[in-house]
Amino acid sequence: MRRHLGLVLAAGIALAACSSSGTHKSTSTSTDATSTQEQSHPTPPGKYPDKSAQMICSKRLEIATAKALGISATITTPRWHDALYSCTFVYPTGSIHLSLKELGSKAQTIAYFNKQKAVLGNAGNVEALGEGAFQPPDGSMVVRKAWGVLTVGVADLPAQFGVPPTARSDVSYTVADLIVACWEGN
């Protein structure tokens, strides 16, 4: 995680697109889970994914990711099944699998996040990303924010990826940071 700062600074330029949308919902939260004050209630997952979920497979995110990583991707057709929105960013030498699980309450979100820790393994918690984050041993990233859990799967990337070559664990952090910075909705 030594290169996080450099990648995050490079990604800052890419974030200009999401900060200009002006459609962010207003919620007041603290990073301390015990003092979180929610001003709105989540909408239970429905027939279609929330706008925040759809953002993870958008052309806008692909452009921001390409700027941050120095390489462009082709995005597979997104899927919506069992309140999980997912797609894959396909690169010439590997792929990044993105998914966002929508949940109906804070308690459900925390329970799902903790279940992911047990299933995927926890190589270390990550500070200052969403309302909780951890990296599984394969270098992927799992982030909890509002009523959703984001997974950035990088197991199918080479150990070094991008231009310049970067550790895949740093790539997952950068992509998660781009998404969390633009995360709207529940």
Protein backbone atom coordinates (compact mmCIF):
# COMPACT_ATOMS: atom_id res chain seq x y z
CA MET A 1 0.00 0.00 0.00
CA ARG A 2 3.02 2.22 -0.40
CA ARG A 3 1.80 3.76 -3.63
CA HIS A 4 -1.71 4.66 -2.40
CA LEU A 5 -0.85 8.34 -2.05
CA GLY A 6 0.52 8.64 -5.59
CA LEU A 7 -2.38 6.75 -7.12
CA VAL A 8 -4.93 8.73 -5.11
CA LEU A 9 -3.35 12.00 -6.25
CA ALA A 10 -3.48 10.82 -9.87
CA ALA A 11 -7.07 9.74 -9.35
CA GLY A 12 -7.97 13.18 -8.00
CA ILE A 13 -7.87 14.58 -11.50
CA ALA A 14 -10.19 11.81 -12.66
CA LEU A 15 -12.71 12.64 -9.94
CA ALA A 16 -13.57 16.03 -11.46
CA ALA A 17 -16.35 14.41 -13.49
CA CYS A 18 -18.21 13.03 -10.48
CA SER A 19 -17.90 16.19 -8.40
CA SER A 20 -19.65 18.22 -11.08
CA SER A 21 -22.82 16.13 -11.19
CA GLY A 22 -24.51 18.02 -8.37
CA THR A 23 -26.87 15.15 -7.60
CA HIS A 24 -25.44 13.88 -4.33
CA LYS A 25 -27.98 13.01 -1.64
CA SER A 26 -27.43 14.65 1.69
CA THR A 27 -26.68 12.36 4.58
CA SER A 28 -24.74 13.10 7.69
CA THR A 29 -22.40 10.33 8.75
CA SER A 30 -19.33 9.92 10.84
CA THR A 31 -16.61 7.35 10.23
CA ASP A 32 -17.22 6.14 13.79
CA ALA A 33 -19.93 3.50 13.40
CA THR A 34 -21.25 4.16 16.89
CA SER A 35 -21.99 7.81 16.16
CA THR A 36 -23.47 7.52 12.67
CA GLN A 37 -26.54 9.71 12.27
CA GLU A 38 -28.66 8.78 9.29
CA GLN A 39 -31.01 11.44 7.96
CA SER A 40 -32.86 9.19 5.56
CA HIS A 41 -33.87 5.56 5.44
CA PRO A 42 -32.79 3.16 2.72
CA THR A 43 -35.11 1.99 0.04
CA PRO A 44 -35.23 -1.80 0.10
CA PRO A 45 -33.51 -3.29 -2.95
CA GLY A 46 -36.01 -3.45 -5.78
CA LYS A 47 -36.51 -4.59 -9.32
CA TYR A 48 -33.76 -2.25 -10.56
CA PRO A 49 -30.42 -1.25 -9.03
CA ASP A 50 -29.99 2.07 -7.27
CA LYS A 51 -28.13 4.87 -9.06
CA SER A 52 -25.13 4.30 -6.76
CA ALA A 53 -24.88 0.69 -7.90
CA GLN A 54 -25.21 1.58 -11.59
CA MET A 55 -22.32 4.02 -11.23
CA ILE A 56 -19.80 1.19 -10.75
CA CYS A 57 -20.28 -0.06 -14.32
CA SER A 58 -20.54 3.33 -15.98
CA LYS A 59 -18.45 4.80 -18.77
CA ARG A 60 -17.69 7.69 -16.41
CA LEU A 61 -15.99 5.32 -13.96
CA GLU A 62 -14.15 3.55 -16.79
CA ILE A 63 -12.74 6.92 -17.93
CA ALA A 64 -11.72 7.88 -14.38
CA THR A 65 -10.15 4.45 -13.85
CA ALA A 66 -8.27 4.68 -17.16
CA LYS A 67 -6.83 8.05 -16.14
CA ALA A 68 -5.78 6.74 -12.72
CA LEU A 69 -4.34 3.40 -13.90
CA GLY A 70 -3.00 4.50 -17.30
CA ILE A 71 -4.88 1.79 -19.20
CA SER A 72 -8.38 1.51 -20.66
CA ALA A 73 -10.89 -1.31 -20.21
CA THR A 74 -13.89 -2.77 -21.93
CA ILE A 75 -16.86 -3.12 -19.56
CA THR A 76 -18.97 -6.28 -19.70
CA THR A 77 -22.76 -6.00 -19.69
CA PRO A 78 -23.83 -5.29 -16.09
CA ARG A 79 -25.92 -7.87 -14.21
CA TRP A 80 -28.54 -7.31 -11.50
CA HIS A 81 -29.37 -10.42 -9.50
CA ASP A 82 -30.32 -10.89 -5.86
CA ALA A 83 -29.72 -7.17 -5.15
CA LEU A 84 -26.14 -7.46 -6.46
CA TYR A 85 -25.12 -5.24 -9.37
CA SER A 86 -21.93 -6.39 -11.08
CA CYS A 87 -19.72 -6.10 -14.14
CA THR A 88 -16.14 -6.72 -15.17
CA PHE A 89 -13.56 -4.26 -16.48
CA VAL A 90 -11.61 -6.33 -19.04
CA TYR A 91 -8.02 -5.34 -19.83
CA PRO A 92 -5.54 -6.94 -22.24
CA THR A 93 -3.68 -8.62 -19.34
CA GLY A 94 -6.42 -9.22 -16.76
CA SER A 95 -9.68 -7.99 -15.33
CA ILE A 96 -11.25 -6.19 -12.38
CA HIS A 97 -14.58 -7.54 -11.12
CA LEU A 98 -16.84 -4.92 -9.55
CA SER A 99 -19.99 -5.55 -7.55
CA LEU A 100 -22.21 -3.58 -5.23
CA LYS A 101 -24.63 -5.40 -2.93
CA GLU A 102 -27.65 -3.31 -1.95
CA LEU A 103 -29.14 -3.99 1.46
CA GLY A 104 -32.24 -2.75 3.25
CA SER A 105 -30.80 -1.54 6.58
CA LYS A 106 -27.59 -0.59 8.32
CA ALA A 107 -27.75 -3.82 10.36
CA GLN A 108 -28.07 -5.92 7.18
CA THR A 109 -25.17 -4.02 5.61
CA ILE A 110 -22.89 -4.61 8.57
CA ALA A 111 -23.87 -8.29 8.75
CA TYR A 112 -23.19 -8.79 5.01
CA PHE A 113 -19.84 -6.95 5.29
CA ASN A 114 -18.79 -9.12 8.23
CA LYS A 115 -19.88 -12.26 6.36
CA GLN A 116 -17.67 -11.20 3.43
CA LYS A 117 -14.74 -10.87 5.85
CA ALA A 118 -15.32 -14.43 7.03
CA VAL A 119 -15.76 -15.85 3.52
CA LEU A 120 -12.99 -13.95 1.71
CA GLY A 121 -10.52 -13.60 4.57
CA ASN A 122 -9.13 -10.39 5.98
CA ALA A 123 -5.50 -9.54 5.28
CA GLY A 124 -6.01 -6.14 6.91
CA ASN A 125 -8.53 -3.42 7.62
CA VAL A 126 -8.23 -0.24 5.54
CA GLU A 127 -8.67 3.13 7.23
CA ALA A 128 -10.43 6.18 5.79
CA LEU A 129 -12.34 4.37 3.03
CA GLY A 130 -16.12 4.33 3.35
CA GLU A 131 -17.54 3.35 6.73
CA GLY A 132 -15.35 0.26 6.89
CA ALA A 133 -13.03 -1.53 4.49
CA PHE A 134 -10.75 -4.53 4.34
CA GLN A 135 -8.49 -6.31 1.88
CA PRO A 136 -8.76 -10.06 1.36
CA PRO A 137 -5.46 -11.95 0.89
CA ASP A 138 -5.73 -11.71 -2.94
CA GLY A 139 -5.40 -7.90 -2.81
CA SER A 140 -9.05 -7.15 -3.60
CA MET A 141 -11.00 -4.51 -1.63
CA VAL A 142 -14.34 -4.68 0.17
CA VAL A 143 -15.92 -1.41 1.31
CA ARG A 144 -19.05 -0.72 3.35
CA LYS A 145 -20.80 2.60 2.89
CA ALA A 146 -24.38 3.62 3.62
CA TRP A 147 -26.54 0.58 2.76
CA GLY A 148 -24.22 -1.05 0.28
CA VAL A 149 -21.11 -3.21 0.15
CA LEU A 150 -18.69 -2.70 -2.73
CA THR A 151 -16.25 -5.38 -3.85
CA VAL A 152 -13.33 -4.59 -6.16
CA GLY A 153 -11.96 -7.97 -7.19
CA VAL A 154 -8.44 -7.92 -8.58
CA ALA A 155 -7.43 -11.61 -8.33
CA ASP A 156 -7.42 -11.83 -12.15
CA LEU A 157 -4.85 -9.05 -12.54
CA PRO A 158 -1.12 -9.70 -12.75
CA ALA A 159 0.88 -8.91 -9.58
CA GLN A 160 1.91 -5.59 -11.19
CA PHE A 161 -0.66 -3.78 -13.34
CA GLY A 162 -1.16 -0.43 -15.05
CA VAL A 163 1.11 2.32 -16.35
CA PRO A 164 3.35 2.59 -14.46
CA PRO A 165 3.13 -0.96 -13.08
CA THR A 166 1.46 -0.96 -9.68
CA ALA A 167 0.75 -3.67 -7.11
CA ARG A 168 -2.74 -5.06 -7.64
CA SER A 169 -3.61 -4.37 -3.98
CA ASP A 170 -2.92 -0.68 -4.67
CA VAL A 171 -5.00 -0.89 -7.87
CA SER A 172 -7.99 -2.19 -5.87
CA TYR A 173 -7.57 0.63 -3.35
CA THR A 174 -7.46 3.24 -6.12
CA VAL A 175 -10.58 1.90 -7.88
CA ALA A 176 -12.46 1.64 -4.57
CA ASP A 177 -11.43 5.19 -3.68
CA LEU A 178 -12.71 6.48 -7.05
CA ILE A 179 -16.05 4.75 -6.49
CA VAL A 180 -16.48 5.82 -2.86
CA ALA A 181 -15.68 9.44 -3.76
CA CYS A 182 -18.57 9.44 -6.26
CA TRP A 183 -20.94 7.12 -4.34
CA GLU A 184 -24.46 8.48 -4.35
CA GLY A 185 -27.73 7.13 -3.08
CA ASN A 186 -28.44 4.80 -0.21
